[in-house]
Amino acid sequence: MSRTAEIERSTLETQVSIKLNLDGTGVSKLETGVPFLDHMLDQVARHGLIDLEIKASGDLQIDAHHTVEDIGITLGQALIKAVGDKSGIRRYGHAYVPLDEALSRVVIDLSGRPGLMYEVGFPRARVGEFEVDLFQEFFQGFVNHAAVTLHIDGLRGSNSHHIAETVFKAFGRALRMALEADLRMQGQLPSTKGAL
């Protein structure tokens, strides 16, 4: 079964289109208008082995808030469509990723219930022109529309670029683990409730 999705979202503030292949090779084509976000999303694709194509335009003359949030929303919608009924997958995934002095942990549950615990401190408010507060908006949008439980913890770090990169690499790797086939489940749904 092909685990792919194409989603378009259009509002008065943004236009976002996403093509997603959960069983890809980590290839990305990213045109969000927000270069640092492109860099982070490339980490998700590469470390998650997800083929990801995103094209977005938005009211960047105001700031990047709407664009970043709406990309998170659309990515969540694409994930929930591509993953299907979730039978036979691991459901849970986790990863620790270091980069020099920085270390982050991400744990995900494809639970069918949206929940975000985000504990990441940055020593600076910006990396280049990018406001790091917007990462939480991205993940909140993703969680709400992918219906997943996501815990993100920045465990240490003094360089904001390094911290952000460890978060997104760990997110990609945790997502990859959760989406992998669990051969022992033999197509069963990983839930005692019989629904996710």
N, C-alpha and C. Protein backbone atom coordinates (compact mmCIF):
# COMPACT_ATOMS: atom_id res chain seq x y z
N MET A 1 0.84 -1.18 0.00
CA MET A 1 0.00 0.00 0.00
C MET A 1 0.89 1.25 0.00
N SER A 2 0.56 2.18 -0.84
CA SER A 2 1.32 3.42 -0.94
C SER A 2 0.94 4.37 0.19
N ARG A 3 1.93 4.82 0.94
CA ARG A 3 1.66 5.76 2.03
C ARG A 3 2.09 7.15 1.57
N THR A 4 1.27 7.73 0.73
CA THR A 4 1.54 9.05 0.17
C THR A 4 0.33 9.95 0.37
N ALA A 5 0.57 11.24 0.26
CA ALA A 5 -0.53 12.20 0.35
C ALA A 5 -0.13 13.48 -0.36
N GLU A 6 -1.14 14.15 -0.88
CA GLU A 6 -1.00 15.51 -1.41
C GLU A 6 -2.09 16.35 -0.79
N ILE A 7 -1.69 17.45 -0.18
CA ILE A 7 -2.62 18.33 0.52
C ILE A 7 -2.36 19.77 0.09
N GLU A 8 -3.43 20.52 -0.14
CA GLU A 8 -3.32 21.95 -0.38
C GLU A 8 -4.16 22.69 0.65
N ARG A 9 -3.62 23.77 1.15
CA ARG A 9 -4.34 24.61 2.11
C ARG A 9 -4.22 26.04 1.63
N SER A 10 -5.35 26.70 1.52
CA SER A 10 -5.35 28.08 1.05
C SER A 10 -6.21 28.93 1.98
N THR A 11 -5.61 30.00 2.50
CA THR A 11 -6.33 30.96 3.33
C THR A 11 -6.04 32.35 2.80
N LEU A 12 -6.60 33.36 3.43
CA LEU A 12 -6.31 34.74 3.05
C LEU A 12 -4.87 35.12 3.41
N GLU A 13 -4.22 34.32 4.27
CA GLU A 13 -2.86 34.62 4.72
C GLU A 13 -1.79 33.79 4.01
N THR A 14 -2.12 32.55 3.67
CA THR A 14 -1.10 31.65 3.11
C THR A 14 -1.70 30.71 2.07
N GLN A 15 -0.81 30.19 1.24
CA GLN A 15 -1.12 29.09 0.33
C GLN A 15 -0.01 28.06 0.52
N VAL A 16 -0.40 26.83 0.87
CA VAL A 16 0.57 25.78 1.15
C VAL A 16 0.17 24.52 0.39
N SER A 17 1.13 23.91 -0.29
CA SER A 17 0.89 22.60 -0.90
C SER A 17 2.01 21.66 -0.47
N ILE A 18 1.62 20.43 -0.12
CA ILE A 18 2.57 19.44 0.37
C ILE A 18 2.34 18.12 -0.35
N LYS A 19 3.43 17.52 -0.79
CA LYS A 19 3.44 16.14 -1.27
C LYS A 19 4.34 15.35 -0.33
N LEU A 20 3.86 14.20 0.11
CA LEU A 20 4.53 13.44 1.15
C LEU A 20 4.54 11.96 0.79
N ASN A 21 5.70 11.34 0.93
CA ASN A 21 5.82 9.88 0.78
C ASN A 21 6.53 9.35 2.02
N LEU A 22 5.79 8.64 2.86
CA LEU A 22 6.34 8.16 4.12
C LEU A 22 7.36 7.05 3.94
N ASP A 23 7.38 6.43 2.77
CA ASP A 23 8.32 5.34 2.49
C ASP A 23 9.33 5.77 1.44
N GLY A 24 9.83 6.98 1.58
CA GLY A 24 10.75 7.53 0.61
C GLY A 24 12.20 7.27 0.97
N THR A 25 13.05 8.12 0.42
CA THR A 25 14.50 7.99 0.64
C THR A 25 15.11 9.23 1.27
N GLY A 26 14.27 10.17 1.68
CA GLY A 26 14.77 11.37 2.34
C GLY A 26 15.03 12.54 1.42
N VAL A 27 14.39 12.53 0.25
CA VAL A 27 14.56 13.60 -0.73
C VAL A 27 13.56 14.72 -0.42
N SER A 28 14.03 15.96 -0.46
CA SER A 28 13.12 17.08 -0.21
C SER A 28 13.27 18.15 -1.27
N LYS A 29 12.15 18.82 -1.52
CA LYS A 29 12.12 20.00 -2.38
C LYS A 29 11.28 21.03 -1.62
N LEU A 30 11.94 22.06 -1.13
CA LEU A 30 11.30 22.97 -0.18
C LEU A 30 11.39 24.40 -0.66
N GLU A 31 10.24 25.03 -0.78
CA GLU A 31 10.16 26.44 -1.19
C GLU A 31 9.13 27.12 -0.31
N THR A 32 9.51 27.41 0.93
CA THR A 32 8.56 27.99 1.87
C THR A 32 8.66 29.51 1.96
N GLY A 33 9.72 30.07 1.43
CA GLY A 33 9.97 31.49 1.61
C GLY A 33 10.63 31.81 2.93
N VAL A 34 10.87 30.78 3.74
CA VAL A 34 11.51 30.94 5.06
C VAL A 34 12.73 30.02 5.07
N PRO A 35 13.90 30.53 4.69
CA PRO A 35 15.07 29.66 4.47
C PRO A 35 15.46 28.79 5.66
N PHE A 36 15.41 29.32 6.87
CA PHE A 36 15.83 28.50 8.01
C PHE A 36 14.84 27.36 8.26
N LEU A 37 13.55 27.61 8.01
CA LEU A 37 12.57 26.54 8.12
C LEU A 37 12.83 25.47 7.05
N ASP A 38 13.18 25.88 5.85
CA ASP A 38 13.55 24.92 4.80
C ASP A 38 14.69 24.02 5.29
N HIS A 39 15.68 24.62 5.91
CA HIS A 39 16.82 23.88 6.42
C HIS A 39 16.39 22.85 7.47
N MET A 40 15.46 23.24 8.35
CA MET A 40 14.97 22.33 9.37
C MET A 40 14.11 21.21 8.77
N LEU A 41 13.25 21.54 7.82
CA LEU A 41 12.40 20.53 7.19
C LEU A 41 13.21 19.54 6.37
N ASP A 42 14.32 20.00 5.83
CA ASP A 42 15.22 19.09 5.12
C ASP A 42 15.77 18.04 6.10
N GLN A 43 16.01 18.43 7.35
CA GLN A 43 16.47 17.47 8.36
C GLN A 43 15.41 16.41 8.62
N VAL A 44 14.14 16.83 8.69
CA VAL A 44 13.05 15.89 8.93
C VAL A 44 12.98 14.86 7.80
N ALA A 45 13.03 15.35 6.56
CA ALA A 45 12.98 14.44 5.41
C ALA A 45 14.16 13.48 5.42
N ARG A 46 15.35 14.02 5.58
CA ARG A 46 16.57 13.22 5.50
C ARG A 46 16.63 12.17 6.60
N HIS A 47 16.36 12.57 7.83
CA HIS A 47 16.48 11.65 8.96
C HIS A 47 15.24 10.78 9.13
N GLY A 48 14.11 11.23 8.59
CA GLY A 48 12.90 10.42 8.66
C GLY A 48 12.72 9.50 7.47
N LEU A 49 13.63 9.63 6.47
CA LEU A 49 13.49 8.90 5.20
C LEU A 49 12.10 9.11 4.61
N ILE A 50 11.70 10.37 4.61
CA ILE A 50 10.42 10.80 4.06
C ILE A 50 10.72 11.68 2.85
N ASP A 51 10.07 11.41 1.73
CA ASP A 51 10.16 12.32 0.60
C ASP A 51 9.15 13.43 0.84
N LEU A 52 9.63 14.67 0.77
CA LEU A 52 8.82 15.80 1.18
C LEU A 52 8.96 16.95 0.20
N GLU A 53 7.85 17.36 -0.37
CA GLU A 53 7.84 18.52 -1.26
C GLU A 53 6.85 19.53 -0.69
N ILE A 54 7.35 20.72 -0.40
CA ILE A 54 6.50 21.78 0.16
C ILE A 54 6.71 23.05 -0.64
N LYS A 55 5.60 23.63 -1.05
CA LYS A 55 5.63 24.94 -1.68
C LYS A 55 4.66 25.82 -0.90
N ALA A 56 5.16 26.96 -0.45
CA ALA A 56 4.33 27.84 0.37
C ALA A 56 4.59 29.29 0.02
N SER A 57 3.53 30.07 0.09
CA SER A 57 3.66 31.53 0.01
C SER A 57 2.72 32.11 1.06
N GLY A 58 3.15 33.21 1.62
CA GLY A 58 2.34 33.80 2.69
C GLY A 58 2.67 35.25 2.90
N ASP A 59 2.08 35.81 3.94
CA ASP A 59 2.21 37.23 4.23
C ASP A 59 3.52 37.50 4.99
N LEU A 60 4.62 37.17 4.34
CA LEU A 60 5.94 37.32 4.98
C LEU A 60 6.30 38.79 5.17
N GLN A 61 5.60 39.69 4.49
CA GLN A 61 5.86 41.11 4.72
C GLN A 61 5.46 41.52 6.13
N ILE A 62 4.57 40.73 6.76
CA ILE A 62 4.20 40.97 8.16
C ILE A 62 5.23 40.28 9.05
N ASP A 63 5.25 38.96 8.98
CA ASP A 63 6.28 38.13 9.60
C ASP A 63 6.04 36.70 9.13
N ALA A 64 6.79 35.76 9.66
CA ALA A 64 6.70 34.38 9.19
C ALA A 64 5.69 33.53 9.96
N HIS A 65 5.00 34.12 10.93
CA HIS A 65 4.15 33.35 11.83
C HIS A 65 3.11 32.52 11.08
N HIS A 66 2.30 33.15 10.24
CA HIS A 66 1.22 32.43 9.56
C HIS A 66 1.76 31.34 8.65
N THR A 67 2.84 31.64 7.95
CA THR A 67 3.43 30.67 7.02
C THR A 67 3.94 29.45 7.77
N VAL A 68 4.68 29.67 8.84
CA VAL A 68 5.25 28.56 9.61
C VAL A 68 4.15 27.71 10.23
N GLU A 69 3.17 28.35 10.85
CA GLU A 69 2.07 27.62 11.48
C GLU A 69 1.28 26.82 10.44
N ASP A 70 0.98 27.43 9.30
CA ASP A 70 0.16 26.75 8.29
C ASP A 70 0.91 25.61 7.62
N ILE A 71 2.23 25.70 7.53
CA ILE A 71 3.00 24.56 7.03
C ILE A 71 2.90 23.41 8.04
N GLY A 72 2.97 23.69 9.32
CA GLY A 72 2.79 22.66 10.33
C GLY A 72 1.41 22.01 10.24
N ILE A 73 0.38 22.82 10.08
CA ILE A 73 -0.99 22.32 9.94
C ILE A 73 -1.10 21.39 8.73
N THR A 74 -0.59 21.86 7.59
CA THR A 74 -0.71 21.10 6.34
C THR A 74 0.10 19.82 6.39
N LEU A 75 1.27 19.87 7.02
CA LEU A 75 2.08 18.66 7.17
C LEU A 75 1.35 17.65 8.05
N GLY A 76 0.69 18.11 9.09
CA GLY A 76 -0.10 17.21 9.92
C GLY A 76 -1.24 16.57 9.15
N GLN A 77 -1.93 17.36 8.32
CA GLN A 77 -3.01 16.82 7.50
C GLN A 77 -2.47 15.78 6.51
N ALA A 78 -1.30 16.04 5.94
CA ALA A 78 -0.71 15.10 4.99
C ALA A 78 -0.31 13.80 5.69
N LEU A 79 0.25 13.91 6.90
CA LEU A 79 0.65 12.71 7.63
C LEU A 79 -0.54 11.82 7.93
N ILE A 80 -1.61 12.41 8.46
CA ILE A 80 -2.76 11.59 8.85
C ILE A 80 -3.39 10.92 7.64
N LYS A 81 -3.35 11.58 6.50
CA LYS A 81 -3.89 10.98 5.27
C LYS A 81 -2.98 9.86 4.77
N ALA A 82 -1.67 10.07 4.81
CA ALA A 82 -0.72 9.10 4.26
C ALA A 82 -0.59 7.85 5.12
N VAL A 83 -0.71 7.99 6.43
CA VAL A 83 -0.45 6.85 7.33
C VAL A 83 -1.57 5.81 7.28
N GLY A 84 -2.76 6.20 6.86
CA GLY A 84 -3.85 5.23 6.74
C GLY A 84 -4.38 4.79 8.08
N ASP A 85 -4.76 3.51 8.19
CA ASP A 85 -5.43 3.04 9.41
C ASP A 85 -4.46 2.68 10.54
N LYS A 86 -3.16 2.76 10.29
CA LYS A 86 -2.10 2.56 11.29
C LYS A 86 -1.90 1.10 11.70
N SER A 87 -2.56 0.18 11.05
CA SER A 87 -2.35 -1.21 11.43
C SER A 87 -0.95 -1.65 11.01
N GLY A 88 -0.32 -2.42 11.89
CA GLY A 88 0.98 -2.99 11.61
C GLY A 88 2.17 -2.07 11.81
N ILE A 89 1.95 -0.86 12.31
CA ILE A 89 3.08 0.06 12.55
C ILE A 89 3.50 -0.01 14.01
N ARG A 90 4.69 0.55 14.29
CA ARG A 90 5.18 0.57 15.67
C ARG A 90 4.35 1.50 16.56
N ARG A 91 3.84 2.57 16.02
CA ARG A 91 3.04 3.58 16.70
C ARG A 91 3.88 4.55 17.53
N TYR A 92 4.81 4.05 18.30
CA TYR A 92 5.65 4.88 19.15
C TYR A 92 7.03 5.05 18.52
N GLY A 93 7.62 6.21 18.70
CA GLY A 93 8.97 6.44 18.24
C GLY A 93 9.67 7.42 19.16
N HIS A 94 10.99 7.29 19.25
CA HIS A 94 11.76 8.21 20.08
C HIS A 94 13.16 8.35 19.50
N ALA A 95 13.79 9.47 19.80
CA ALA A 95 15.17 9.68 19.36
C ALA A 95 15.82 10.74 20.23
N TYR A 96 17.09 10.50 20.51
CA TYR A 96 17.98 11.51 21.08
C TYR A 96 18.95 11.88 19.97
N VAL A 97 19.17 13.17 19.77
CA VAL A 97 20.13 13.61 18.76
C VAL A 97 21.04 14.69 19.35
N PRO A 98 22.36 14.48 19.28
CA PRO A 98 23.30 15.52 19.69
C PRO A 98 23.83 16.28 18.47
N LEU A 99 24.26 17.47 18.69
CA LEU A 99 25.05 18.23 17.71
C LEU A 99 25.99 19.11 18.53
N ASP A 100 27.25 18.72 18.57
CA ASP A 100 28.23 19.41 19.40
C ASP A 100 27.72 19.51 20.84
N GLU A 101 27.49 20.72 21.34
CA GLU A 101 27.09 20.89 22.75
C GLU A 101 25.60 20.67 22.98
N ALA A 102 24.81 20.61 21.91
CA ALA A 102 23.35 20.54 22.02
C ALA A 102 22.87 19.09 22.01
N LEU A 103 21.79 18.84 22.75
CA LEU A 103 21.18 17.52 22.80
C LEU A 103 19.67 17.68 22.97
N SER A 104 18.91 17.01 22.11
CA SER A 104 17.44 17.06 22.22
C SER A 104 16.86 15.66 22.16
N ARG A 105 15.68 15.53 22.76
CA ARG A 105 14.94 14.26 22.77
C ARG A 105 13.53 14.53 22.24
N VAL A 106 13.08 13.66 21.34
CA VAL A 106 11.72 13.72 20.82
C VAL A 106 11.09 12.34 20.97
N VAL A 107 9.87 12.32 21.51
CA VAL A 107 9.10 11.09 21.66
C VAL A 107 7.72 11.33 21.05
N ILE A 108 7.27 10.39 20.20
CA ILE A 108 6.00 10.56 19.50
C ILE A 108 5.14 9.32 19.65
N ASP A 109 3.84 9.54 19.74
CA ASP A 109 2.84 8.48 19.75
C ASP A 109 1.79 8.84 18.71
N LEU A 110 1.63 7.98 17.72
CA LEU A 110 0.60 8.20 16.70
C LEU A 110 -0.74 7.75 17.28
N SER A 111 -1.18 8.46 18.28
CA SER A 111 -2.23 8.05 19.20
C SER A 111 -3.64 8.34 18.71
N GLY A 112 -3.79 9.25 17.77
CA GLY A 112 -5.12 9.73 17.42
C GLY A 112 -5.59 10.85 18.33
N ARG A 113 -4.74 11.27 19.25
CA ARG A 113 -5.08 12.35 20.19
C ARG A 113 -4.01 13.42 20.12
N PRO A 114 -4.39 14.66 19.84
CA PRO A 114 -3.38 15.72 19.77
C PRO A 114 -2.91 16.16 21.15
N GLY A 115 -1.60 16.21 21.31
CA GLY A 115 -1.02 16.70 22.56
C GLY A 115 0.43 17.07 22.33
N LEU A 116 0.82 18.25 22.77
CA LEU A 116 2.19 18.71 22.62
C LEU A 116 2.75 19.13 23.96
N MET A 117 3.90 18.56 24.31
CA MET A 117 4.70 19.03 25.43
C MET A 117 6.01 19.52 24.82
N TYR A 118 6.25 20.81 24.93
CA TYR A 118 7.38 21.43 24.25
C TYR A 118 8.20 22.19 25.28
N GLU A 119 9.37 21.67 25.58
CA GLU A 119 10.26 22.29 26.57
C GLU A 119 11.63 22.49 25.93
N VAL A 120 11.74 23.55 25.17
CA VAL A 120 12.99 23.86 24.47
C VAL A 120 13.33 25.31 24.74
N GLY A 121 14.51 25.53 25.33
CA GLY A 121 14.97 26.88 25.59
C GLY A 121 16.06 27.27 24.60
N PHE A 122 15.96 28.47 24.10
CA PHE A 122 16.96 29.00 23.18
C PHE A 122 17.65 30.19 23.82
N PRO A 123 18.97 30.28 23.72
CA PRO A 123 19.68 31.43 24.30
C PRO A 123 19.45 32.72 23.52
N ARG A 124 19.04 32.62 22.26
CA ARG A 124 18.75 33.81 21.45
C ARG A 124 17.34 33.71 20.90
N ALA A 125 16.72 34.84 20.64
CA ALA A 125 15.35 34.87 20.12
C ALA A 125 15.30 34.59 18.63
N ARG A 126 16.43 34.75 17.95
CA ARG A 126 16.46 34.56 16.49
C ARG A 126 17.68 33.75 16.08
N VAL A 127 17.50 33.00 15.00
CA VAL A 127 18.62 32.44 14.26
C VAL A 127 18.57 33.12 12.90
N GLY A 128 19.53 33.98 12.65
CA GLY A 128 19.43 34.82 11.45
C GLY A 128 18.19 35.69 11.57
N GLU A 129 17.31 35.58 10.57
CA GLU A 129 16.05 36.34 10.59
C GLU A 129 14.89 35.54 11.18
N PHE A 130 15.13 34.29 11.55
CA PHE A 130 14.04 33.41 11.99
C PHE A 130 13.81 33.53 13.49
N GLU A 131 12.55 33.77 13.89
CA GLU A 131 12.18 33.83 15.30
C GLU A 131 11.97 32.42 15.84
N VAL A 132 12.76 32.01 16.80
CA VAL A 132 12.70 30.63 17.27
C VAL A 132 11.38 30.29 17.98
N ASP A 133 10.64 31.29 18.45
CA ASP A 133 9.31 31.04 19.04
C ASP A 133 8.39 30.35 18.04
N LEU A 134 8.63 30.53 16.77
CA LEU A 134 7.75 29.97 15.74
C LEU A 134 7.85 28.46 15.64
N PHE A 135 8.92 27.86 16.17
CA PHE A 135 9.01 26.41 16.14
C PHE A 135 7.86 25.78 16.94
N GLN A 136 7.53 26.35 18.08
CA GLN A 136 6.43 25.81 18.86
C GLN A 136 5.12 25.93 18.09
N GLU A 137 4.93 27.03 17.36
CA GLU A 137 3.72 27.19 16.55
C GLU A 137 3.65 26.14 15.45
N PHE A 138 4.81 25.84 14.84
CA PHE A 138 4.87 24.80 13.81
C PHE A 138 4.44 23.45 14.39
N PHE A 139 5.03 23.07 15.51
CA PHE A 139 4.73 21.77 16.09
C PHE A 139 3.30 21.70 16.63
N GLN A 140 2.78 22.81 17.16
CA GLN A 140 1.39 22.81 17.63
C GLN A 140 0.43 22.60 16.47
N GLY A 141 0.68 23.28 15.36
CA GLY A 141 -0.15 23.08 14.17
C GLY A 141 -0.08 21.64 13.68
N PHE A 142 1.13 21.09 13.66
CA PHE A 142 1.32 19.71 13.21
C PHE A 142 0.55 18.74 14.10
N VAL A 143 0.74 18.86 15.41
CA VAL A 143 0.11 17.95 16.38
C VAL A 143 -1.41 18.01 16.28
N ASN A 144 -1.95 19.20 16.20
CA ASN A 144 -3.41 19.36 16.17
C ASN A 144 -4.03 18.66 14.97
N HIS A 145 -3.33 18.65 13.85
CA HIS A 145 -3.91 18.12 12.62
C HIS A 145 -3.44 16.71 12.27
N ALA A 146 -2.32 16.28 12.85
CA ALA A 146 -1.88 14.89 12.68
C ALA A 146 -2.48 14.00 13.76
N ALA A 147 -3.04 14.60 14.80
CA ALA A 147 -3.62 13.87 15.94
C ALA A 147 -2.58 12.91 16.53
N VAL A 148 -1.45 13.50 16.94
CA VAL A 148 -0.38 12.73 17.57
C VAL A 148 -0.04 13.36 18.92
N THR A 149 0.55 12.56 19.79
CA THR A 149 1.11 13.08 21.03
C THR A 149 2.61 13.23 20.81
N LEU A 150 3.13 14.42 21.11
CA LEU A 150 4.52 14.73 20.80
C LEU A 150 5.17 15.42 21.99
N HIS A 151 6.27 14.84 22.47
CA HIS A 151 7.06 15.45 23.54
C HIS A 151 8.41 15.84 22.96
N ILE A 152 8.75 17.11 23.10
CA ILE A 152 10.01 17.64 22.59
C ILE A 152 10.75 18.31 23.74
N ASP A 153 11.95 17.83 24.00
CA ASP A 153 12.75 18.37 25.10
C ASP A 153 14.14 18.74 24.60
N GLY A 154 14.48 20.01 24.73
CA GLY A 154 15.85 20.45 24.50
C GLY A 154 16.62 20.23 25.79
N LEU A 155 17.47 19.24 25.83
CA LEU A 155 18.10 18.85 27.09
C LEU A 155 19.28 19.73 27.46
N ARG A 156 20.01 20.21 26.44
CA ARG A 156 21.11 21.15 26.71
C ARG A 156 21.51 21.78 25.40
N GLY A 157 22.26 22.87 25.51
CA GLY A 157 22.78 23.55 24.34
C GLY A 157 22.95 25.03 24.58
N SER A 158 23.94 25.60 23.91
CA SER A 158 24.20 27.03 24.04
C SER A 158 24.16 27.75 22.70
N ASN A 159 24.01 26.99 21.61
CA ASN A 159 23.95 27.56 20.27
C ASN A 159 22.56 27.31 19.71
N SER A 160 21.82 28.37 19.42
CA SER A 160 20.43 28.23 19.00
C SER A 160 20.27 27.43 17.71
N HIS A 161 21.18 27.62 16.77
CA HIS A 161 21.13 26.85 15.53
C HIS A 161 21.29 25.36 15.83
N HIS A 162 22.25 25.01 16.67
CA HIS A 162 22.48 23.61 17.03
C HIS A 162 21.26 23.02 17.74
N ILE A 163 20.67 23.77 18.65
CA ILE A 163 19.50 23.29 19.38
C ILE A 163 18.36 22.99 18.41
N ALA A 164 18.06 23.94 17.52
CA ALA A 164 16.99 23.74 16.55
C ALA A 164 17.25 22.52 15.68
N GLU A 165 18.48 22.36 15.25
CA GLU A 165 18.79 21.24 14.37
C GLU A 165 18.64 19.90 15.09
N THR A 166 19.02 19.83 16.36
CA THR A 166 18.84 18.58 17.09
C THR A 166 17.36 18.25 17.26
N VAL A 167 16.54 19.27 17.47
CA VAL A 167 15.09 19.04 17.60
C VAL A 167 14.52 18.45 16.32
N PHE A 168 14.84 19.04 15.18
CA PHE A 168 14.23 18.59 13.93
C PHE A 168 14.80 17.25 13.46
N LYS A 169 16.08 17.01 13.70
CA LYS A 169 16.64 15.70 13.38
C LYS A 169 15.99 14.62 14.25
N ALA A 170 15.85 14.90 15.53
CA ALA A 170 15.23 13.93 16.43
C ALA A 170 13.77 13.71 16.07
N PHE A 171 13.08 14.76 15.67
CA PHE A 171 11.69 14.63 15.23
C PHE A 171 11.59 13.70 14.03
N GLY A 172 12.46 13.89 13.04
CA GLY A 172 12.46 13.03 11.86
C GLY A 172 12.72 11.58 12.22
N ARG A 173 13.69 11.34 13.10
CA ARG A 173 14.04 9.97 13.47
C ARG A 173 12.96 9.31 14.32
N ALA A 174 12.34 10.06 15.23
CA ALA A 174 11.25 9.51 16.04
C ALA A 174 10.05 9.16 15.16
N LEU A 175 9.76 10.05 14.22
CA LEU A 175 8.65 9.81 13.30
C LEU A 175 8.91 8.56 12.45
N ARG A 176 10.12 8.45 11.97
CA ARG A 176 10.51 7.27 11.19
C ARG A 176 10.30 5.97 11.97
N MET A 177 10.71 5.96 13.23
CA MET A 177 10.54 4.76 14.06
C MET A 177 9.06 4.43 14.25
N ALA A 178 8.26 5.45 14.56
CA ALA A 178 6.83 5.23 14.81
C ALA A 178 6.10 4.70 13.57
N LEU A 179 6.56 5.10 12.39
CA LEU A 179 5.90 4.73 11.14
C LEU A 179 6.37 3.39 10.60
N GLU A 180 7.47 2.85 11.14
CA GLU A 180 8.00 1.58 10.64
C GLU A 180 7.04 0.43 10.88
N ALA A 181 7.09 -0.55 9.99
CA ALA A 181 6.30 -1.76 10.16
C ALA A 181 6.83 -2.54 11.36
N ASP A 182 5.92 -3.02 12.19
CA ASP A 182 6.25 -3.91 13.30
C ASP A 182 5.83 -5.31 12.86
N LEU A 183 6.80 -6.11 12.44
CA LEU A 183 6.51 -7.41 11.85
C LEU A 183 5.78 -8.34 12.81
N ARG A 184 5.99 -8.15 14.09
CA ARG A 184 5.31 -9.00 15.08
C ARG A 184 3.84 -8.64 15.23
N MET A 185 3.45 -7.42 14.81
CA MET A 185 2.05 -7.03 14.89
C MET A 185 1.22 -7.68 13.77
N GLN A 186 1.87 -8.09 12.69
CA GLN A 186 1.21 -8.76 11.56
C GLN A 186 -0.10 -8.09 11.15
N GLY A 187 -0.03 -6.80 10.92
CA GLY A 187 -1.19 -6.07 10.43
C GLY A 187 -2.20 -5.68 11.49
N GLN A 188 -1.92 -5.99 12.76
CA GLN A 188 -2.85 -5.62 13.82
C GLN A 188 -2.70 -4.14 14.17
N LEU A 189 -3.75 -3.58 14.72
CA LEU A 189 -3.71 -2.21 15.19
C LEU A 189 -3.03 -2.18 16.55
N PRO A 190 -2.00 -1.33 16.73
CA PRO A 190 -1.27 -1.31 18.01
C PRO A 190 -2.04 -0.55 19.11
N SER A 191 -3.19 -1.10 19.48
CA SER A 191 -4.01 -0.47 20.52
C SER A 191 -4.96 -1.51 21.11
N THR A 192 -5.11 -1.51 22.43
CA THR A 192 -6.06 -2.43 23.07
C THR A 192 -7.50 -1.95 22.86
N LYS A 193 -7.66 -0.67 22.47
CA LYS A 193 -9.00 -0.15 22.23
C LYS A 193 -9.55 -0.55 20.88
N GLY A 194 -8.63 -0.99 19.99
CA GLY A 194 -9.06 -1.34 18.63
C GLY A 194 -9.24 -0.15 17.72
N ALA A 195 -8.78 1.02 18.17
CA ALA A 195 -8.90 2.24 17.36
C ALA A 195 -7.79 3.20 17.75
N LEU A 196 -7.30 3.92 16.75
CA LEU A 196 -6.31 4.99 16.99
C LEU A 196 -6.79 6.23 16.27
